């Protein structure tokens, strides 16, 4: 069992009855398909609505298309994955561990429209919202102390 999955199970076991429910759009969070992040803009494409367990690269190996808004520690990890928006709209990016999330579209960072934490005991460390046009977009992760993170992109209301 991957270490991240074991950690999520441990967190769930330690949660009290009646813990805050996971929103329906994120209900598949406990699953996850492994994917290796790219170290540059030639990123693998992930599906909206399906969680992935992303293997990251050491920060020194990254060639990020947009400068991170926050400097990352030299011993941190990061990488890129892509997703396609069939039409313009708002998306929510959930992440299991501390890391800087930036969305890159057309070579430029897109400003986020909201930030928050996942439901208590869900294993979601942070959730960031973005308004995007249709097309292919990059999720740029940096500053992660962990070598892998769970990530999920879902439509936001």
N, C-alpha and C. Protein backbone atom coordinates (compact mmCIF):
# COMPACT_ATOMS: atom_id res chain seq x y z
N UNK A 1 0.86 -1.18 0.00
CA UNK A 1 0.00 0.00 0.00
C UNK A 1 0.90 1.24 0.00
N UNK A 2 0.68 2.19 -0.92
CA UNK A 2 1.49 3.41 -0.92
C UNK A 2 1.37 4.15 0.41
N UNK A 3 2.45 4.82 0.77
CA UNK A 3 2.50 5.51 2.05
C UNK A 3 1.37 6.53 2.20
N UNK A 4 1.06 7.27 1.15
CA UNK A 4 0.00 8.28 1.23
C UNK A 4 -1.35 7.63 1.51
N UNK A 5 -1.63 6.49 0.87
CA UNK A 5 -2.90 5.80 1.11
C UNK A 5 -2.98 5.31 2.55
N UNK A 6 -1.86 4.80 3.08
CA UNK A 6 -1.84 4.35 4.48
C UNK A 6 -2.08 5.52 5.42
N UNK A 7 -1.51 6.68 5.13
CA UNK A 7 -1.70 7.87 5.96
C UNK A 7 -3.17 8.30 5.93
N UNK A 8 -3.78 8.29 4.76
CA UNK A 8 -5.19 8.67 4.65
C UNK A 8 -6.08 7.71 5.45
N UNK A 9 -5.76 6.41 5.41
CA UNK A 9 -6.54 5.44 6.18
C UNK A 9 -6.37 5.68 7.67
N UNK A 10 -5.15 5.99 8.11
CA UNK A 10 -4.89 6.27 9.52
C UNK A 10 -5.66 7.50 9.97
N UNK A 11 -5.65 8.55 9.14
CA UNK A 11 -6.40 9.76 9.48
C UNK A 11 -7.89 9.46 9.60
N UNK A 12 -8.43 8.68 8.68
CA UNK A 12 -9.85 8.34 8.71
C UNK A 12 -10.20 7.55 9.96
N UNK A 13 -9.31 6.63 10.36
CA UNK A 13 -9.56 5.82 11.55
C UNK A 13 -9.55 6.68 12.82
N UNK A 14 -8.78 7.77 12.82
CA UNK A 14 -8.67 8.63 14.00
C UNK A 14 -9.79 9.68 14.07
N UNK A 15 -10.62 9.76 13.06
CA UNK A 15 -11.68 10.77 13.03
C UNK A 15 -12.85 10.37 13.89
N UNK A 16 -13.43 11.33 14.57
CA UNK A 16 -14.62 11.03 15.37
C UNK A 16 -15.83 10.81 14.48
N UNK A 17 -16.79 10.10 15.01
CA UNK A 17 -18.05 9.90 14.29
C UNK A 17 -18.68 11.27 14.05
N UNK A 18 -19.29 11.43 12.93
CA UNK A 18 -19.94 12.70 12.61
C UNK A 18 -18.99 13.76 12.10
N UNK A 19 -17.77 13.36 11.66
CA UNK A 19 -16.83 14.33 11.10
C UNK A 19 -17.46 14.98 9.88
N UNK A 20 -17.00 16.16 9.55
CA UNK A 20 -17.54 16.92 8.43
C UNK A 20 -17.51 16.09 7.15
N UNK A 21 -18.62 16.00 6.42
CA UNK A 21 -18.66 15.17 5.22
C UNK A 21 -17.87 15.80 4.07
N UNK A 22 -17.40 14.94 3.18
CA UNK A 22 -16.70 15.38 1.98
C UNK A 22 -17.75 15.83 0.98
N UNK A 23 -17.56 16.99 0.32
CA UNK A 23 -18.53 17.43 -0.68
C UNK A 23 -18.70 16.38 -1.78
N UNK A 24 -19.90 16.23 -2.33
CA UNK A 24 -20.15 15.21 -3.36
C UNK A 24 -19.16 15.26 -4.53
N UNK A 25 -18.78 16.44 -4.97
CA UNK A 25 -17.85 16.55 -6.10
C UNK A 25 -16.49 15.92 -5.79
N UNK A 26 -16.13 15.84 -4.51
CA UNK A 26 -14.84 15.29 -4.10
C UNK A 26 -14.98 13.90 -3.48
N UNK A 27 -16.12 13.25 -3.66
CA UNK A 27 -16.38 11.97 -3.00
C UNK A 27 -15.42 10.86 -3.41
N UNK A 28 -14.78 10.95 -4.56
CA UNK A 28 -13.83 9.92 -5.01
C UNK A 28 -12.43 10.12 -4.42
N UNK A 29 -12.26 11.12 -3.55
CA UNK A 29 -10.95 11.48 -3.00
C UNK A 29 -10.16 10.29 -2.47
N UNK A 30 -10.78 9.35 -1.83
CA UNK A 30 -10.08 8.22 -1.22
C UNK A 30 -9.48 7.25 -2.21
N UNK A 31 -9.85 7.36 -3.47
CA UNK A 31 -9.26 6.50 -4.50
C UNK A 31 -7.99 7.19 -4.97
N UNK A 32 -7.47 6.85 -6.08
CA UNK A 32 -6.31 7.56 -6.61
C UNK A 32 -5.47 6.68 -7.50
N UNK A 33 -5.19 7.18 -8.67
CA UNK A 33 -4.35 6.50 -9.64
C UNK A 33 -2.97 7.14 -9.62
N UNK A 34 -1.90 6.34 -9.61
CA UNK A 34 -0.56 6.94 -9.62
C UNK A 34 -0.26 7.62 -10.96
N UNK A 35 0.42 8.75 -10.88
CA UNK A 35 0.88 9.46 -12.07
C UNK A 35 2.20 10.14 -11.71
N UNK A 36 3.11 10.20 -12.66
CA UNK A 36 4.37 10.90 -12.44
C UNK A 36 4.27 12.30 -13.02
N UNK A 37 4.53 13.29 -12.19
CA UNK A 37 4.51 14.68 -12.65
C UNK A 37 5.66 14.90 -13.63
N UNK A 38 5.51 15.88 -14.47
CA UNK A 38 6.60 16.29 -15.36
C UNK A 38 7.45 17.32 -14.62
N UNK A 39 8.69 17.45 -15.05
CA UNK A 39 9.58 18.46 -14.49
C UNK A 39 9.53 19.73 -15.31
N UNK A 40 8.79 19.70 -16.44
CA UNK A 40 8.65 20.87 -17.31
C UNK A 40 7.24 20.89 -17.88
N UNK A 41 6.97 21.78 -18.83
CA UNK A 41 5.62 21.97 -19.35
C UNK A 41 5.08 20.80 -20.16
N UNK A 42 5.90 19.79 -20.46
CA UNK A 42 5.44 18.60 -21.19
C UNK A 42 4.80 17.64 -20.19
N UNK A 43 3.67 18.06 -19.62
CA UNK A 43 3.05 17.38 -18.48
C UNK A 43 2.01 16.35 -18.91
N UNK A 44 1.87 15.28 -18.12
CA UNK A 44 0.80 14.32 -18.39
C UNK A 44 -0.56 14.94 -18.09
N UNK A 45 -1.56 14.50 -18.82
CA UNK A 45 -2.91 15.03 -18.64
C UNK A 45 -3.69 14.13 -17.67
N UNK A 46 -4.33 14.76 -16.69
CA UNK A 46 -5.17 14.03 -15.75
C UNK A 46 -6.62 14.37 -16.05
N UNK A 47 -7.53 13.54 -15.59
CA UNK A 47 -8.96 13.75 -15.82
C UNK A 47 -9.58 14.57 -14.70
N UNK A 48 -10.46 15.46 -15.06
CA UNK A 48 -11.23 16.21 -14.06
C UNK A 48 -12.17 15.22 -13.36
N UNK A 49 -12.22 15.30 -12.04
CA UNK A 49 -13.12 14.46 -11.26
C UNK A 49 -12.52 13.17 -10.76
N UNK A 50 -11.27 12.86 -11.14
CA UNK A 50 -10.62 11.64 -10.68
C UNK A 50 -9.35 11.98 -9.91
N UNK A 51 -9.21 11.51 -8.68
CA UNK A 51 -8.00 11.81 -7.90
C UNK A 51 -6.79 11.07 -8.45
N UNK A 52 -5.64 11.69 -8.30
CA UNK A 52 -4.37 11.07 -8.69
C UNK A 52 -3.37 11.21 -7.56
N UNK A 53 -2.49 10.24 -7.44
CA UNK A 53 -1.40 10.30 -6.49
C UNK A 53 -0.17 10.65 -7.31
N UNK A 54 0.31 11.88 -7.17
CA UNK A 54 1.33 12.44 -8.05
C UNK A 54 2.73 12.29 -7.45
N UNK A 55 3.60 11.58 -8.17
CA UNK A 55 5.00 11.48 -7.79
C UNK A 55 5.69 12.76 -8.27
N UNK A 56 6.38 13.44 -7.36
CA UNK A 56 7.01 14.73 -7.66
C UNK A 56 8.51 14.59 -7.87
N UNK A 57 9.13 15.66 -8.35
CA UNK A 57 10.57 15.72 -8.60
C UNK A 57 11.25 16.62 -7.57
N UNK A 58 12.55 16.39 -7.32
CA UNK A 58 13.29 17.34 -6.48
C UNK A 58 13.26 18.72 -7.13
N UNK A 59 13.16 19.76 -6.33
CA UNK A 59 13.04 21.13 -6.82
C UNK A 59 14.16 21.51 -7.80
N UNK A 60 15.35 21.01 -7.58
CA UNK A 60 16.49 21.36 -8.44
C UNK A 60 16.29 20.88 -9.88
N UNK A 61 15.42 19.91 -10.12
CA UNK A 61 15.20 19.36 -11.46
C UNK A 61 14.06 20.04 -12.22
N UNK A 62 13.38 20.97 -11.58
CA UNK A 62 12.20 21.58 -12.19
C UNK A 62 12.54 22.72 -13.15
N UNK A 63 11.79 22.77 -14.24
CA UNK A 63 11.84 23.89 -15.20
C UNK A 63 10.40 24.38 -15.33
N UNK A 64 9.99 25.17 -14.34
CA UNK A 64 8.59 25.60 -14.26
C UNK A 64 8.30 26.69 -15.29
N UNK A 65 7.14 26.62 -15.95
CA UNK A 65 6.81 27.61 -16.98
C UNK A 65 6.49 29.00 -16.43
N UNK A 66 6.09 29.08 -15.17
CA UNK A 66 5.82 30.38 -14.55
C UNK A 66 6.57 30.43 -13.23
N UNK A 67 7.18 31.56 -12.91
CA UNK A 67 7.89 31.64 -11.63
C UNK A 67 6.91 31.46 -10.47
N UNK A 68 7.24 30.59 -9.50
CA UNK A 68 6.36 30.43 -8.35
C UNK A 68 6.22 31.73 -7.57
N UNK A 69 5.03 31.98 -7.06
CA UNK A 69 4.79 33.19 -6.27
C UNK A 69 5.50 33.12 -4.92
N UNK A 70 5.82 31.91 -4.49
CA UNK A 70 6.49 31.72 -3.21
C UNK A 70 7.73 30.87 -3.44
N UNK A 71 8.87 31.33 -2.95
CA UNK A 71 10.12 30.59 -3.12
C UNK A 71 10.04 29.26 -2.37
N UNK A 72 10.54 28.21 -3.02
CA UNK A 72 10.52 26.87 -2.42
C UNK A 72 11.87 26.54 -1.81
N UNK A 73 11.85 25.74 -0.77
CA UNK A 73 13.09 25.28 -0.14
C UNK A 73 13.85 24.40 -1.13
N UNK A 74 15.16 24.44 -1.05
CA UNK A 74 16.00 23.68 -1.97
C UNK A 74 15.74 22.17 -1.89
N UNK A 75 15.35 21.69 -0.72
CA UNK A 75 15.11 20.25 -0.56
C UNK A 75 13.64 19.86 -0.77
N UNK A 76 12.85 20.74 -1.36
CA UNK A 76 11.43 20.46 -1.59
C UNK A 76 11.23 19.76 -2.93
N UNK A 77 9.96 19.46 -3.24
CA UNK A 77 9.60 18.75 -4.46
C UNK A 77 8.51 19.51 -5.20
N UNK A 78 8.36 19.18 -6.47
CA UNK A 78 7.32 19.81 -7.27
C UNK A 78 7.16 19.10 -8.60
N UNK A 79 6.34 19.65 -9.44
CA UNK A 79 6.12 19.08 -10.76
C UNK A 79 4.87 19.65 -11.39
N UNK A 80 4.57 19.15 -12.57
CA UNK A 80 3.43 19.65 -13.34
C UNK A 80 2.57 18.52 -13.86
N UNK A 81 1.26 18.75 -13.83
CA UNK A 81 0.29 17.90 -14.51
C UNK A 81 -0.64 18.85 -15.26
N UNK A 82 -1.29 18.32 -16.27
CA UNK A 82 -2.19 19.14 -17.09
C UNK A 82 -3.61 18.58 -17.02
N UNK A 83 -4.57 19.41 -17.37
CA UNK A 83 -5.95 18.96 -17.52
C UNK A 83 -6.60 19.83 -18.57
N UNK A 84 -7.67 19.32 -19.17
CA UNK A 84 -8.37 20.04 -20.23
C UNK A 84 -9.75 20.47 -19.75
N UNK A 85 -10.07 21.72 -20.01
CA UNK A 85 -11.41 22.26 -19.70
C UNK A 85 -12.20 22.27 -21.01
N UNK A 86 -13.30 21.52 -21.08
CA UNK A 86 -14.10 21.51 -22.32
C UNK A 86 -14.78 22.84 -22.58
N UNK A 87 -15.06 23.58 -21.50
CA UNK A 87 -15.67 24.92 -21.64
C UNK A 87 -15.21 25.77 -20.45
N UNK A 88 -15.35 27.06 -20.58
CA UNK A 88 -14.94 27.97 -19.51
C UNK A 88 -15.72 27.68 -18.24
N UNK A 89 -15.07 27.89 -17.10
CA UNK A 89 -15.76 27.68 -15.83
C UNK A 89 -14.80 27.73 -14.66
N UNK A 90 -15.35 27.45 -13.51
CA UNK A 90 -14.57 27.47 -12.28
C UNK A 90 -14.20 26.05 -11.90
N UNK A 91 -12.93 25.86 -11.49
CA UNK A 91 -12.49 24.57 -11.00
C UNK A 91 -11.93 24.72 -9.60
N UNK A 92 -11.93 23.60 -8.92
CA UNK A 92 -11.40 23.52 -7.55
C UNK A 92 -10.29 22.47 -7.59
N UNK A 93 -9.11 22.82 -7.05
CA UNK A 93 -7.98 21.89 -6.98
C UNK A 93 -7.75 21.55 -5.51
N UNK A 94 -7.88 20.26 -5.19
CA UNK A 94 -7.66 19.79 -3.82
C UNK A 94 -6.30 19.09 -3.75
N UNK A 95 -5.61 19.29 -2.65
CA UNK A 95 -4.27 18.74 -2.47
C UNK A 95 -4.16 18.14 -1.07
N UNK A 96 -3.45 17.03 -0.95
CA UNK A 96 -3.36 16.31 0.32
C UNK A 96 -2.28 16.81 1.27
N UNK A 97 -1.35 17.58 0.78
CA UNK A 97 -0.19 17.96 1.60
C UNK A 97 0.18 19.41 1.33
N UNK A 98 1.00 19.99 2.21
CA UNK A 98 1.40 21.37 1.96
C UNK A 98 2.26 21.47 0.69
N UNK A 99 1.90 22.36 -0.18
CA UNK A 99 2.65 22.67 -1.40
C UNK A 99 2.03 23.94 -1.98
N UNK A 100 2.77 24.59 -2.81
CA UNK A 100 2.27 25.78 -3.48
C UNK A 100 1.59 25.32 -4.77
N UNK A 101 0.33 25.70 -4.98
CA UNK A 101 -0.43 25.35 -6.18
C UNK A 101 -0.55 26.60 -7.04
N UNK A 102 -0.12 26.48 -8.28
CA UNK A 102 -0.35 27.55 -9.25
C UNK A 102 -0.93 26.94 -10.50
N UNK A 103 -1.84 27.66 -11.10
CA UNK A 103 -2.42 27.21 -12.34
C UNK A 103 -1.84 28.07 -13.45
N UNK A 104 -1.34 27.43 -14.49
CA UNK A 104 -0.70 28.14 -15.59
C UNK A 104 -1.52 27.92 -16.86
N UNK A 105 -1.88 29.01 -17.50
CA UNK A 105 -2.66 28.96 -18.73
C UNK A 105 -2.02 29.94 -19.72
N UNK A 106 -1.71 29.45 -20.90
CA UNK A 106 -1.07 30.31 -21.89
C UNK A 106 0.28 30.84 -21.44
N UNK A 107 0.99 30.07 -20.62
CA UNK A 107 2.32 30.46 -20.16
C UNK A 107 2.33 31.43 -18.98
N UNK A 108 1.15 31.80 -18.48
CA UNK A 108 1.08 32.76 -17.38
C UNK A 108 0.30 32.17 -16.21
N UNK A 109 0.70 32.54 -15.00
CA UNK A 109 -0.01 32.10 -13.81
C UNK A 109 -1.39 32.76 -13.77
N UNK A 110 -2.38 31.99 -13.38
CA UNK A 110 -3.76 32.46 -13.25
C UNK A 110 -4.02 32.75 -11.77
N UNK A 111 -4.58 33.90 -11.48
CA UNK A 111 -4.89 34.25 -10.09
C UNK A 111 -5.99 33.33 -9.56
N UNK A 112 -5.82 32.89 -8.33
CA UNK A 112 -6.85 32.06 -7.71
C UNK A 112 -8.03 32.95 -7.29
N UNK A 113 -9.20 32.33 -7.15
CA UNK A 113 -10.39 33.08 -6.74
C UNK A 113 -10.86 32.69 -5.34
N UNK A 114 -10.22 31.69 -4.75
CA UNK A 114 -10.59 31.27 -3.41
C UNK A 114 -9.63 30.24 -2.86
N UNK A 115 -9.50 30.21 -1.55
CA UNK A 115 -8.62 29.27 -0.86
C UNK A 115 -9.35 28.72 0.35
N UNK A 116 -9.05 27.49 0.69
CA UNK A 116 -9.64 26.92 1.88
C UNK A 116 -8.99 25.60 2.22
N UNK A 117 -9.51 24.98 3.26
CA UNK A 117 -9.04 23.67 3.68
C UNK A 117 -10.13 22.66 3.37
N UNK A 118 -9.74 21.42 3.23
CA UNK A 118 -10.71 20.37 3.03
C UNK A 118 -11.44 20.08 4.33
N UNK A 119 -12.49 19.28 4.26
CA UNK A 119 -13.22 18.91 5.47
C UNK A 119 -12.29 18.20 6.46
N UNK A 120 -12.51 18.45 7.73
CA UNK A 120 -11.71 17.84 8.78
C UNK A 120 -11.72 16.32 8.61
N UNK A 121 -10.57 15.72 8.76
CA UNK A 121 -10.37 14.27 8.67
C UNK A 121 -10.50 13.72 7.25
N UNK A 122 -10.56 14.55 6.23
CA UNK A 122 -10.72 14.08 4.86
C UNK A 122 -9.39 13.75 4.20
N UNK A 123 -8.29 14.29 4.73
CA UNK A 123 -7.00 14.14 4.07
C UNK A 123 -6.72 15.24 3.06
N UNK A 124 -7.66 16.16 2.90
CA UNK A 124 -7.47 17.30 1.99
C UNK A 124 -6.85 18.43 2.79
N UNK A 125 -5.62 18.77 2.46
CA UNK A 125 -4.91 19.82 3.17
C UNK A 125 -5.37 21.20 2.73
N UNK A 126 -5.53 21.36 1.42
CA UNK A 126 -5.95 22.67 0.91
C UNK A 126 -6.78 22.49 -0.35
N UNK A 127 -7.61 23.51 -0.59
CA UNK A 127 -8.43 23.56 -1.79
C UNK A 127 -8.32 24.98 -2.34
N UNK A 128 -8.02 25.08 -3.63
CA UNK A 128 -7.85 26.38 -4.28
C UNK A 128 -8.75 26.43 -5.51
N UNK A 129 -9.47 27.53 -5.69
CA UNK A 129 -10.40 27.71 -6.81
C UNK A 129 -9.79 28.64 -7.86
N UNK A 130 -10.15 28.36 -9.13
CA UNK A 130 -9.70 29.16 -10.25
C UNK A 130 -10.83 29.30 -11.26
N UNK A 131 -10.95 30.47 -11.92
CA UNK A 131 -11.84 30.67 -13.06
C UNK A 131 -10.98 30.54 -14.31
N UNK A 132 -11.39 29.66 -15.23
CA UNK A 132 -10.55 29.36 -16.39
C UNK A 132 -11.32 29.39 -17.69
N UNK A 133 -10.62 29.73 -18.76
CA UNK A 133 -11.23 29.58 -20.08
C UNK A 133 -11.15 28.11 -20.50
N UNK A 134 -11.84 27.77 -21.57
CA UNK A 134 -11.73 26.42 -22.12
C UNK A 134 -10.29 26.21 -22.59
N UNK A 135 -9.83 24.98 -22.59
CA UNK A 135 -8.50 24.66 -23.10
C UNK A 135 -7.68 23.84 -22.12
N UNK A 136 -6.40 23.67 -22.47
CA UNK A 136 -5.46 22.90 -21.66
C UNK A 136 -4.79 23.82 -20.66
N UNK A 137 -4.69 23.36 -19.42
CA UNK A 137 -4.09 24.15 -18.35
C UNK A 137 -3.10 23.28 -17.58
N UNK A 138 -2.09 23.92 -16.98
CA UNK A 138 -1.10 23.22 -16.18
C UNK A 138 -1.31 23.51 -14.71
N UNK A 139 -1.19 22.48 -13.89
CA UNK A 139 -1.13 22.67 -12.44
C UNK A 139 0.35 22.56 -12.09
N UNK A 140 0.86 23.62 -11.54
CA UNK A 140 2.27 23.71 -11.16
C UNK A 140 2.37 23.60 -9.64
N UNK A 141 3.00 22.54 -9.17
CA UNK A 141 3.19 22.33 -7.74
C UNK A 141 4.64 22.61 -7.39
N UNK A 142 4.86 23.29 -6.27
CA UNK A 142 6.22 23.54 -5.81
C UNK A 142 6.22 23.64 -4.29
N UNK A 143 7.39 23.48 -3.71
CA UNK A 143 7.54 23.64 -2.27
C UNK A 143 6.99 22.51 -1.43
N UNK A 144 6.77 21.34 -2.01
CA UNK A 144 6.24 20.22 -1.24
C UNK A 144 7.36 19.54 -0.46
N UNK A 145 7.21 19.37 0.85
CA UNK A 145 8.21 18.61 1.59
C UNK A 145 8.12 17.12 1.26
N UNK A 146 6.96 16.66 0.79
CA UNK A 146 6.75 15.25 0.45
C UNK A 146 7.08 15.00 -1.02
N UNK A 147 7.49 13.77 -1.33
CA UNK A 147 7.83 13.40 -2.70
C UNK A 147 6.60 12.98 -3.50
N UNK A 148 5.43 12.90 -2.86
CA UNK A 148 4.19 12.62 -3.58
C UNK A 148 3.03 13.28 -2.85
N UNK A 149 2.00 13.62 -3.61
CA UNK A 149 0.80 14.23 -3.06
C UNK A 149 -0.41 13.68 -3.80
N UNK A 150 -1.55 13.68 -3.13
CA UNK A 150 -2.81 13.36 -3.80
C UNK A 150 -3.40 14.67 -4.29
N UNK A 151 -3.94 14.65 -5.51
CA UNK A 151 -4.47 15.85 -6.14
C UNK A 151 -5.76 15.49 -6.86
N UNK A 152 -6.69 16.42 -6.84
CA UNK A 152 -7.95 16.20 -7.57
C UNK A 152 -8.47 17.53 -8.07
N UNK A 153 -8.90 17.55 -9.32
CA UNK A 153 -9.50 18.73 -9.93
C UNK A 153 -10.98 18.42 -10.15
N UNK A 154 -11.85 19.31 -9.70
CA UNK A 154 -13.29 19.13 -9.88
C UNK A 154 -13.92 20.46 -10.30
N UNK A 155 -15.05 20.39 -10.99
CA UNK A 155 -15.78 21.62 -11.28
C UNK A 155 -16.26 22.24 -9.96
N UNK A 156 -16.24 23.54 -9.89
CA UNK A 156 -16.73 24.24 -8.69
C UNK A 156 -18.01 24.96 -9.04
N UNK A 157 -18.91 25.00 -8.09
CA UNK A 157 -20.20 25.67 -8.32
C UNK A 157 -20.04 27.17 -8.32
